[in-house]
PDB file of all heavy atoms in Angstrom:
ATOM      1  N   VAL A   1      89.773 113.991  68.063  1.00  0.00           N
ATOM      2  CA  VAL A   1      88.967 115.191  68.262  1.00  0.00           C
ATOM      3  C   VAL A   1      88.288 115.110  69.631  1.00  0.00           C
ATOM      4  O   VAL A   1      87.757 114.060  70.002  1.00  0.00           O
ATOM      5  CB  VAL A   1      87.878 115.304  67.155  1.00  0.00           C
ATOM      6  CG1 VAL A   1      87.087 116.607  67.298  1.00  0.00           C
ATOM      7  CG2 VAL A   1      88.484 115.207  65.769  1.00  0.00           C
ATOM      8  N   GLY A   2      88.316 116.206  70.399  1.00  0.00           N
ATOM      9  CA  GLY A   2      87.676 116.242  71.701  1.00  0.00           C
ATOM     10  C   GLY A   2      87.974 117.521  72.440  1.00  0.00           C
ATOM     11  O   GLY A   2      88.669 118.422  71.939  1.00  0.00           O
ATOM     12  N   ARG A   3      87.507 117.605  73.691  1.00  0.00           N
ATOM     13  CA  ARG A   3      87.733 118.803  74.504  1.00  0.00           C
ATOM     14  C   ARG A   3      89.104 118.817  75.148  1.00  0.00           C
ATOM     15  O   ARG A   3      89.664 119.878  75.458  1.00  0.00           O
ATOM     16  CB  ARG A   3      86.663 118.892  75.629  1.00  0.00           C
ATOM     17  CG  ARG A   3      85.349 119.482  75.159  1.00  0.00           C
ATOM     18  CD  ARG A   3      84.430 119.805  76.327  1.00  0.00           C
ATOM     19  NE  ARG A   3      84.101 118.631  77.129  1.00  0.00           N
ATOM     20  CZ  ARG A   3      84.458 118.463  78.392  1.00  0.00           C
ATOM     21  NH1 ARG A   3      85.186 119.371  79.007  1.00  0.00           N
ATOM     22  NH2 ARG A   3      84.088 117.360  79.045  1.00  0.00           N
ATOM     23  N   ALA A   4      89.655 117.637  75.365  1.00  0.00           N
ATOM     24  CA  ALA A   4      90.956 117.556  76.069  1.00  0.00           C
ATOM     25  C   ALA A   4      92.057 118.188  75.218  1.00  0.00           C
ATOM     26  O   ALA A   4      92.105 118.021  73.987  1.00  0.00           O
ATOM     27  CB  ALA A   4      91.278 116.116  76.393  1.00  0.00           C
ATOM     28  N   PRO A   5      92.992 118.914  75.847  1.00  0.00           N
ATOM     29  CA  PRO A   5      94.083 119.563  75.093  1.00  0.00           C
ATOM     30  C   PRO A   5      95.044 118.569  74.437  1.00  0.00           C
ATOM     31  O   PRO A   5      95.867 118.972  73.627  1.00  0.00           O
ATOM     32  CB  PRO A   5      94.793 120.407  76.153  1.00  0.00           C
ATOM     33  CG  PRO A   5      94.440 119.799  77.471  1.00  0.00           C
ATOM     34  CD  PRO A   5      93.076 119.209  77.285  1.00  0.00           C
ATOM     35  N   THR A   6      94.957 117.276  74.805  1.00  0.00           N
ATOM     36  CA  THR A   6      95.861 116.284  74.209  1.00  0.00           C
ATOM     37  C   THR A   6      95.413 115.865  72.815  1.00  0.00           C
ATOM     38  O   THR A   6      96.127 115.154  72.107  1.00  0.00           O
ATOM     39  CB  THR A   6      95.914 115.050  75.127  1.00  0.00           C
ATOM     40  OG1 THR A   6      94.575 114.578  75.344  1.00  0.00           O
ATOM     41  CG2 THR A   6      96.555 115.408  76.451  1.00  0.00           C
ATOM     42  N   ASN A   7      94.189 116.264  72.402  1.00  0.00           N
ATOM     43  CA  ASN A   7      93.680 115.924  71.072  1.00  0.00           C
ATOM     44  C   ASN A   7      94.363 116.758  69.999  1.00  0.00           C
ATOM     45  O   ASN A   7      94.815 117.888  70.266  1.00  0.00           O
ATOM     46  CB  ASN A   7      92.171 116.129  70.993  1.00  0.00           C
ATOM     47  CG  ASN A   7      91.403 115.132  71.839  1.00  0.00           C
ATOM     48  OD1 ASN A   7      91.281 113.988  71.468  1.00  0.00           O
ATOM     49  ND2 ASN A   7      90.897 115.575  72.975  1.00  0.00           N
ATOM     50  N   ARG A   8      94.456 116.194  68.805  1.00  0.00           N
ATOM     51  CA  ARG A   8      95.025 116.962  67.706  1.00  0.00           C
ATOM     52  C   ARG A   8      94.078 118.097  67.260  1.00  0.00           C
ATOM     53  O   ARG A   8      94.541 119.146  66.837  1.00  0.00           O
ATOM     54  CB  ARG A   8      95.308 116.020  66.513  1.00  0.00           C
ATOM     55  CG  ARG A   8      96.435 115.038  66.807  1.00  0.00           C
ATOM     56  CD  ARG A   8      96.829 114.269  65.551  1.00  0.00           C
ATOM     57  NE  ARG A   8      97.906 113.334  65.858  1.00  0.00           N
ATOM     58  CZ  ARG A   8      99.204 113.654  65.866  1.00  0.00           C
ATOM     59  NH1 ARG A   8      99.558 114.901  65.614  1.00  0.00           N
ATOM     60  NH2 ARG A   8     100.122 112.750  66.156  1.00  0.00           N
ATOM     61  N   ILE A   9      92.764 117.857  67.338  1.00  0.00           N
ATOM     62  CA  ILE A   9      91.776 118.950  67.119  1.00  0.00           C
ATOM     63  C   ILE A   9      91.024 119.131  68.418  1.00  0.00           C
ATOM     64  O   ILE A   9      90.313 118.228  68.875  1.00  0.00           O
ATOM     65  CB  ILE A   9      90.813 118.599  65.967  1.00  0.00           C
ATOM     66  CG1 ILE A   9      91.565 118.409  64.656  1.00  0.00           C
ATOM     67  CG2 ILE A   9      89.752 119.695  65.805  1.00  0.00           C
ATOM     68  CD1 ILE A   9      90.691 118.045  63.473  1.00  0.00           C
ATOM     69  N   VAL A  10      91.209 120.284  69.017  1.00  0.00           N
ATOM     70  CA  VAL A  10      90.604 120.591  70.325  1.00  0.00           C
ATOM     71  C   VAL A  10      89.366 121.460  70.090  1.00  0.00           C
ATOM     72  O   VAL A  10      89.456 122.505  69.436  1.00  0.00           O
ATOM     73  CB  VAL A  10      91.595 121.278  71.259  1.00  0.00           C
ATOM     74  CG1 VAL A  10      90.947 121.579  72.605  1.00  0.00           C
ATOM     75  CG2 VAL A  10      92.846 120.435  71.435  1.00  0.00           C
ATOM     76  N   LEU A  11      88.215 121.015  70.633  1.00  0.00           N
ATOM     77  CA  LEU A  11      86.988 121.782  70.489  1.00  0.00           C
ATOM     78  C   LEU A  11      86.559 122.382  71.815  1.00  0.00           C
ATOM     79  O   LEU A  11      86.553 121.681  72.829  1.00  0.00           O
ATOM     80  CB  LEU A  11      85.851 120.851  69.986  1.00  0.00           C
ATOM     81  CG  LEU A  11      86.052 120.186  68.599  1.00  0.00           C
ATOM     82  CD1 LEU A  11      84.840 119.333  68.262  1.00  0.00           C
ATOM     83  CD2 LEU A  11      86.305 121.232  67.541  1.00  0.00           C
ATOM     84  N   ASP A  12      86.256 123.664  71.794  1.00  0.00           N
ATOM     85  CA  ASP A  12      85.778 124.346  72.992  1.00  0.00           C
ATOM     86  C   ASP A  12      84.252 124.180  73.017  1.00  0.00           C
ATOM     87  O   ASP A  12      83.492 125.114  72.692  1.00  0.00           O
ATOM     88  CB  ASP A  12      86.189 125.812  72.953  1.00  0.00           C
ATOM     89  CG  ASP A  12      85.781 126.554  74.232  1.00  0.00           C
ATOM     90  OD1 ASP A  12      85.458 125.859  75.234  1.00  0.00           O
ATOM     91  OD2 ASP A  12      85.778 127.791  74.226  1.00  0.00           O
ATOM     92  N   ASP A  13      83.800 123.010  73.396  1.00  0.00           N
ATOM     93  CA  ASP A  13      82.368 122.663  73.285  1.00  0.00           C
ATOM     94  C   ASP A  13      82.026 121.796  74.508  1.00  0.00           C
ATOM     95  O   ASP A  13      82.508 120.654  74.635  1.00  0.00           O
ATOM     96  CB  ASP A  13      82.152 121.911  71.979  1.00  0.00           C
ATOM     97  CG  ASP A  13      80.697 121.577  71.755  1.00  0.00           C
ATOM     98  OD1 ASP A  13      79.857 121.760  72.690  1.00  0.00           O
ATOM     99  OD2 ASP A  13      80.345 121.137  70.645  1.00  0.00           O
ATOM    100  N   GLU A  14      81.174 122.317  75.396  1.00  0.00           N
ATOM    101  CA  GLU A  14      80.819 121.589  76.612  1.00  0.00           C
ATOM    102  C   GLU A  14      80.054 120.297  76.350  1.00  0.00           C
ATOM    103  O   GLU A  14      80.081 119.384  77.143  1.00  0.00           O
ATOM    104  CB  GLU A  14      79.985 122.489  77.546  1.00  0.00           C
ATOM    105  CG  GLU A  14      80.760 123.668  78.129  1.00  0.00           C
ATOM    106  CD  GLU A  14      81.901 123.218  79.021  1.00  0.00           C
ATOM    107  OE1 GLU A  14      81.719 122.208  79.736  1.00  0.00           O
ATOM    108  OE2 GLU A  14      82.971 123.847  78.965  1.00  0.00           O
ATOM    109  N   VAL A  15      79.352 120.221  75.211  1.00  0.00           N
ATOM    110  CA  VAL A  15      78.575 119.023  74.889  1.00  0.00           C
ATOM    111  C   VAL A  15      79.506 117.939  74.331  1.00  0.00           C
ATOM    112  O   VAL A  15      79.169 116.760  74.342  1.00  0.00           O
ATOM    113  CB  VAL A  15      77.465 119.376  73.886  1.00  0.00           C
ATOM    114  CG1 VAL A  15      76.581 118.168  73.616  1.00  0.00           C
ATOM    115  CG2 VAL A  15      76.609 120.515  74.440  1.00  0.00           C
ATOM    116  N   CYS A  16      80.666 118.362  73.850  1.00  0.00           N
ATOM    117  CA  CYS A  16      81.636 117.396  73.305  1.00  0.00           C
ATOM    118  C   CYS A  16      82.369 116.691  74.454  1.00  0.00           C
ATOM    119  O   CYS A  16      82.684 117.287  75.473  1.00  0.00           O
ATOM    120  CB  CYS A  16      82.606 118.156  72.402  1.00  0.00           C
ATOM    121  SG  CYS A  16      83.954 117.157  71.770  1.00  0.00           S
ATOM    122  N   SER A  17      82.643 115.391  74.289  1.00  0.00           N
ATOM    123  CA  SER A  17      83.382 114.634  75.316  1.00  0.00           C
ATOM    124  C   SER A  17      84.882 115.003  75.243  1.00  0.00           C
ATOM    125  O   SER A  17      85.356 115.539  74.240  1.00  0.00           O
ATOM    126  CB  SER A  17      83.190 113.140  75.099  1.00  0.00           C
ATOM    127  OG  SER A  17      81.821 112.780  75.253  1.00  0.00           O
ATOM    128  N   ARG A  18      85.597 114.636  76.303  1.00  0.00           N
ATOM    129  CA  ARG A  18      87.017 114.979  76.339  1.00  0.00           C
ATOM    130  C   ARG A  18      87.762 114.275  75.190  1.00  0.00           C
ATOM    131  O   ARG A  18      88.578 114.879  74.512  1.00  0.00           O
ATOM    132  CB  ARG A  18      87.627 114.558  77.690  1.00  0.00           C
ATOM    133  CG  ARG A  18      87.126 115.413  78.868  1.00  0.00           C
ATOM    134  CD  ARG A  18      87.754 114.971  80.173  1.00  0.00           C
ATOM    135  NE  ARG A  18      89.228 115.019  80.126  1.00  0.00           N
ATOM    136  CZ  ARG A  18      89.940 116.142  80.282  1.00  0.00           C
ATOM    137  NH1 ARG A  18      89.313 117.296  80.518  1.00  0.00           N
ATOM    138  NH2 ARG A  18      91.268 116.125  80.277  1.00  0.00           N
ATOM    139  N   ASN A  19      87.508 112.987  75.012  1.00  0.00           N
ATOM    140  CA  ASN A  19      88.041 112.259  73.874  1.00  0.00           C
ATOM    141  C   ASN A  19      86.843 111.721  73.093  1.00  0.00           C
ATOM    142  O   ASN A  19      86.272 110.682  73.443  1.00  0.00           O
ATOM    143  CB  ASN A  19      88.949 111.101  74.330  1.00  0.00           C
ATOM    144  CG  ASN A  19      90.159 111.640  75.111  1.00  0.00           C
ATOM    145  OD1 ASN A  19      90.992 112.325  74.554  1.00  0.00           O
ATOM    146  ND2 ASN A  19      90.215 111.311  76.392  1.00  0.00           N
ATOM    147  N   HIS A  20      86.471 112.456  72.074  1.00  0.00           N
ATOM    148  CA  HIS A  20      85.168 112.200  71.446  1.00  0.00           C
ATOM    149  C   HIS A  20      85.257 111.209  70.303  1.00  0.00           C
ATOM    150  O   HIS A  20      84.530 110.206  70.298  1.00  0.00           O
ATOM    151  CB  HIS A  20      84.601 113.541  70.933  1.00  0.00           C
ATOM    152  CG  HIS A  20      83.116 113.498  70.727  1.00  0.00           C
ATOM    153  ND1 HIS A  20      82.222 114.039  71.611  1.00  0.00           N
ATOM    154  CD2 HIS A  20      82.371 112.963  69.738  1.00  0.00           C
ATOM    155  CE1 HIS A  20      80.996 113.850  71.183  1.00  0.00           C
ATOM    156  NE2 HIS A  20      81.045 113.195  70.026  1.00  0.00           N
ATOM    157  N   CYS A  21      86.117 111.445  69.311  1.00  0.00           N
ATOM    158  CA  CYS A  21      86.201 110.576  68.164  1.00  0.00           C
ATOM    159  C   CYS A  21      87.584 110.695  67.519  1.00  0.00           C
ATOM    160  O   CYS A  21      88.380 111.570  67.910  1.00  0.00           O
ATOM    161  CB  CYS A  21      85.093 110.910  67.145  1.00  0.00           C
ATOM    162  SG  CYS A  21      85.233 112.550  66.425  1.00  0.00           S
ATOM    163  N   GLU A  22      87.860 109.841  66.545  1.00  0.00           N
ATOM    164  CA  GLU A  22      89.126 109.931  65.826  1.00  0.00           C
ATOM    165  C   GLU A  22      88.887 109.629  64.359  1.00  0.00           C
ATOM    166  O   GLU A  22      87.951 108.911  63.987  1.00  0.00           O
ATOM    167  CB  GLU A  22      90.150 108.976  66.405  1.00  0.00           C
ATOM    168  CG  GLU A  22      89.735 107.512  66.386  1.00  0.00           C
ATOM    169  CD  GLU A  22      90.742 106.589  67.028  1.00  0.00           C
ATOM    170  OE1 GLU A  22      91.585 107.066  67.821  1.00  0.00           O
ATOM    171  OE2 GLU A  22      90.690 105.385  66.734  1.00  0.00           O
ATOM    172  N   ILE A  23      89.751 110.188  63.487  1.00  0.00           N
ATOM    173  CA  ILE A  23      89.664 110.002  62.036  1.00  0.00           C
ATOM    174  C   ILE A  23      91.009 109.506  61.562  1.00  0.00           C
ATOM    175  O   ILE A  23      92.056 110.054  61.924  1.00  0.00           O
ATOM    176  CB  ILE A  23      89.270 111.305  61.334  1.00  0.00           C
ATOM    177  CG1 ILE A  23      87.923 111.822  61.839  1.00  0.00           C
ATOM    178  CG2 ILE A  23      89.217 111.130  59.822  1.00  0.00           C
ATOM    179  CD1 ILE A  23      87.545 113.211  61.344  1.00  0.00           C
ATOM    180  N   PHE A  24      91.006 108.443  60.737  1.00  0.00           N
ATOM    181  CA  PHE A  24      92.273 107.898  60.240  1.00  0.00           C
ATOM    182  C   PHE A  24      92.048 107.311  58.848  1.00  0.00           C
ATOM    183  O   PHE A  24      90.922 107.110  58.393  1.00  0.00           O
ATOM    184  CB  PHE A  24      92.802 106.831  61.209  1.00  0.00           C
ATOM    185  CG  PHE A  24      91.831 105.719  61.500  1.00  0.00           C
ATOM    186  CD1 PHE A  24      91.819 104.562  60.730  1.00  0.00           C
ATOM    187  CD2 PHE A  24      90.929 105.841  62.536  1.00  0.00           C
ATOM    188  CE1 PHE A  24      90.928 103.538  60.986  1.00  0.00           C
ATOM    189  CE2 PHE A  24      90.034 104.815  62.803  1.00  0.00           C
ATOM    190  CZ  PHE A  24      90.019 103.663  62.023  1.00  0.00           C
TER     191      PHE A  24
END
């Protein structure tokens, strides 16, 4: 999860980091 388009869940959120977190 993050702002970067390479994430599986992309958030349009300026406060969110490009690669913010992951869930597994």
